[in-house]
Amino acid sequence: MPGYPEDTMTGHEVERRALLTPVLLLLLAERQGHGYELVQRLGAFGCGDADQAHVYRLLRGMESSGEVTSHWHASESGPARRVYAITQQGAMNLALWFVRLGELHGTLHLFLERYVQLEDVGGRAGREGASPHAGTRPPDHARPPDHSRPPDHMRRMRK
């Protein structure tokens, strides 16, 4: 990717890494889990390239900031595992992430619409410096939902 040296993280990887915190909060809001299980669930969420050590560092940071708690759970078939659960503070932060990501969703939607218009009108395909994806269209996107307020169940958690 232009602007990113080959030996560093690409912009795409940086963006994906930035989303790990809200995704972990969402996964823990769905149900508690131990670190390895959360890494597996991140994979099912589309974050399969998440570095396991980074995920554990995030979880420790989230615990020290009060977003999650953990306890040791003894297993009959293996070593004890640290199980993480979301806290009230974590649920409130998840609701804030919902609003922020909703706003970003609207911006991304506008970007994709404008890019398609640029491709349709400008016919950049074949021109020097054209996008490597010229002539391709992103999937059709519905109007972005209103994310200006968290859903009712998240607002109730704050009370």
Protein backbone atom coordinates (compact mmCIF):
# COMPACT_ATOMS: atom_id res chain seq x y z
CA MET A 1 0.00 0.00 0.00
CA PRO A 2 1.53 3.37 -0.97
CA GLY A 3 2.75 5.35 2.00
CA TYR A 4 3.42 2.26 4.09
CA PRO A 5 6.90 0.69 4.12
CA GLU A 6 6.83 -3.02 3.39
CA ASP A 7 8.17 -3.94 6.83
CA THR A 8 5.50 -2.09 8.82
CA MET A 9 1.84 -2.60 9.47
CA THR A 10 -0.45 -1.56 6.61
CA GLY A 11 -3.25 0.91 7.17
CA HIS A 12 -5.73 -1.95 6.91
CA GLU A 13 -4.03 -3.81 9.76
CA VAL A 14 -3.94 -0.67 11.90
CA GLU A 15 -7.67 -0.13 11.33
CA ARG A 16 -8.49 -3.75 12.16
CA ARG A 17 -6.39 -3.57 15.32
CA ALA A 18 -8.22 -0.41 16.40
CA LEU A 19 -11.52 -2.31 16.19
CA LEU A 20 -10.43 -5.13 18.49
CA THR A 21 -11.49 -3.31 21.67
CA PRO A 22 -15.12 -2.74 20.66
CA VAL A 23 -15.33 -6.21 19.12
CA LEU A 24 -14.01 -7.80 22.33
CA LEU A 25 -16.55 -5.79 24.35
CA LEU A 26 -19.31 -6.99 22.03
CA LEU A 27 -18.20 -10.62 22.27
CA LEU A 28 -18.10 -10.37 26.07
CA ALA A 29 -21.53 -8.71 26.13
CA GLU A 30 -22.80 -11.77 24.25
CA ARG A 31 -21.14 -14.16 26.72
CA GLN A 32 -18.06 -14.41 28.90
CA GLY A 33 -15.04 -16.33 27.70
CA HIS A 34 -11.40 -17.17 28.27
CA GLY A 35 -8.63 -15.60 26.22
CA TYR A 36 -8.04 -18.39 23.72
CA GLU A 37 -11.78 -18.77 23.13
CA LEU A 38 -12.06 -15.01 22.54
CA VAL A 39 -9.27 -15.20 19.95
CA GLN A 40 -11.25 -17.97 18.21
CA ARG A 41 -14.44 -15.90 18.34
CA LEU A 42 -12.54 -12.92 16.90
CA GLY A 43 -11.67 -15.16 13.97
CA ALA A 44 -15.31 -15.99 13.40
CA PHE A 45 -16.00 -12.23 13.54
CA GLY A 46 -13.56 -11.61 10.69
CA CYS A 47 -10.56 -10.68 12.82
CA GLY A 48 -8.80 -14.01 12.38
CA ASP A 49 -5.43 -12.36 11.91
CA ALA A 50 -5.53 -10.86 15.42
CA ASP A 51 -2.26 -11.42 17.25
CA GLN A 52 -2.99 -13.55 20.32
CA ALA A 53 -0.45 -11.69 22.49
CA HIS A 54 -2.02 -8.37 21.49
CA VAL A 55 -5.49 -9.66 22.42
CA TYR A 56 -4.24 -10.70 25.88
CA ARG A 57 -2.61 -7.27 26.36
CA LEU A 58 -5.89 -5.61 25.37
CA LEU A 59 -7.83 -7.76 27.84
CA ARG A 60 -5.42 -6.88 30.65
CA GLY A 61 -5.72 -3.19 29.79
CA MET A 62 -9.51 -3.45 29.63
CA GLU A 63 -9.47 -5.10 33.04
CA SER A 64 -7.31 -2.38 34.57
CA SER A 65 -9.62 0.29 33.10
CA GLY A 66 -12.67 -1.45 34.60
CA GLU A 67 -14.28 -2.55 31.33
CA VAL A 68 -13.93 -6.27 32.07
CA THR A 69 -13.33 -8.48 35.07
CA SER A 70 -11.69 -11.88 35.15
CA HIS A 71 -11.54 -14.89 37.39
CA TRP A 72 -9.74 -18.21 37.24
CA HIS A 73 -11.85 -21.20 36.25
CA ALA A 74 -10.54 -24.69 37.01
CA SER A 75 -10.95 -27.14 34.16
CA GLU A 76 -11.32 -30.90 34.49
CA SER A 77 -9.42 -31.52 31.27
CA GLY A 78 -6.61 -28.99 31.46
CA PRO A 79 -5.09 -26.03 33.25
CA ALA A 80 -7.15 -23.32 34.91
CA ARG A 81 -8.17 -20.55 32.54
CA ARG A 82 -8.76 -16.87 33.13
CA VAL A 83 -12.38 -16.14 32.16
CA TYR A 84 -13.33 -12.59 31.20
CA ALA A 85 -16.72 -10.90 31.60
CA ILE A 86 -17.93 -7.41 30.69
CA THR A 87 -18.65 -4.93 33.49
CA GLN A 88 -21.19 -2.13 33.72
CA GLN A 89 -18.44 0.30 32.64
CA GLY A 90 -17.62 -1.97 29.71
CA ALA A 91 -21.27 -2.05 28.65
CA MET A 92 -21.41 1.75 28.78
CA ASN A 93 -18.24 1.98 26.68
CA LEU A 94 -19.69 -0.54 24.23
CA ALA A 95 -22.72 1.73 23.81
CA LEU A 96 -20.37 4.65 23.09
CA TRP A 97 -18.51 2.54 20.54
CA PHE A 98 -21.87 1.74 18.93
CA VAL A 99 -22.52 5.45 18.42
CA ARG A 100 -18.97 6.21 17.20
CA LEU A 101 -18.88 3.30 14.79
CA GLY A 102 -22.34 4.21 13.54
CA GLU A 103 -21.06 7.68 12.70
CA LEU A 104 -18.07 6.13 10.96
CA HIS A 105 -20.40 3.80 9.08
CA GLY A 106 -22.17 6.83 7.61
CA THR A 107 -18.85 8.35 6.55
CA LEU A 108 -17.71 5.09 4.97
CA HIS A 109 -21.03 4.74 3.18
CA LEU A 110 -20.64 8.23 1.71
CA PHE A 111 -17.03 7.45 0.72
CA LEU A 112 -18.10 4.27 -1.11
CA GLU A 113 -20.94 6.05 -2.90
CA ARG A 114 -18.63 8.88 -4.01
CA TYR A 115 -15.93 6.44 -5.12
CA VAL A 116 -18.42 4.56 -7.29
CA GLN A 117 -19.57 7.88 -8.78
CA LEU A 118 -15.94 8.80 -9.48
CA GLU A 119 -15.40 5.49 -11.25
CA ASP A 120 -18.67 5.79 -13.20
CA VAL A 121 -18.18 9.41 -14.27
CA GLY A 122 -14.42 9.65 -14.55
CA GLY A 123 -13.75 6.31 -16.16
CA ARG A 124 -10.40 6.14 -14.41
CA ALA A 125 -9.76 2.57 -15.54
CA GLY A 126 -6.65 2.43 -17.68
CA ARG A 127 -5.37 5.88 -16.67
CA GLU A 128 -1.99 6.19 -15.00
CA GLY A 129 -2.38 6.19 -11.23
CA ALA A 130 -5.84 4.67 -11.44
CA SER A 131 -7.10 2.62 -8.58
CA PRO A 132 -6.13 -1.06 -8.81
CA HIS A 133 -9.82 -1.71 -8.23
CA ALA A 134 -10.99 0.56 -11.05
CA GLY A 135 -14.10 -0.76 -12.67
CA THR A 136 -15.04 -2.85 -9.66
CA ARG A 137 -17.97 -1.89 -7.52
CA PRO A 138 -18.36 -2.38 -3.81
CA PRO A 139 -21.42 -4.32 -2.74
CA ASP A 140 -24.68 -2.41 -2.75
CA HIS A 141 -25.14 -0.63 0.55
CA ALA A 142 -28.45 0.25 2.12
CA ARG A 143 -28.89 3.62 3.75
CA PRO A 144 -26.86 3.53 6.97
CA PRO A 145 -28.96 2.93 10.06
CA ASP A 146 -29.32 5.64 12.68
CA HIS A 147 -26.55 5.09 15.19
CA SER A 148 -26.90 8.41 16.96
CA ARG A 149 -28.20 6.64 20.08
CA PRO A 150 -27.43 3.20 21.46
CA PRO A 151 -30.21 0.61 21.28
CA ASP A 152 -32.71 0.48 24.15
CA HIS A 153 -31.12 -2.53 25.85
CA MET A 154 -27.76 -0.72 26.06
CA ARG A 155 -29.34 2.45 27.48
CA ARG A 156 -31.10 0.38 30.17
CA MET A 157 -27.74 -1.06 31.28
CA ARG A 158 -26.52 2.43 32.23
CA LYS A 159 -29.28 2.99 34.79
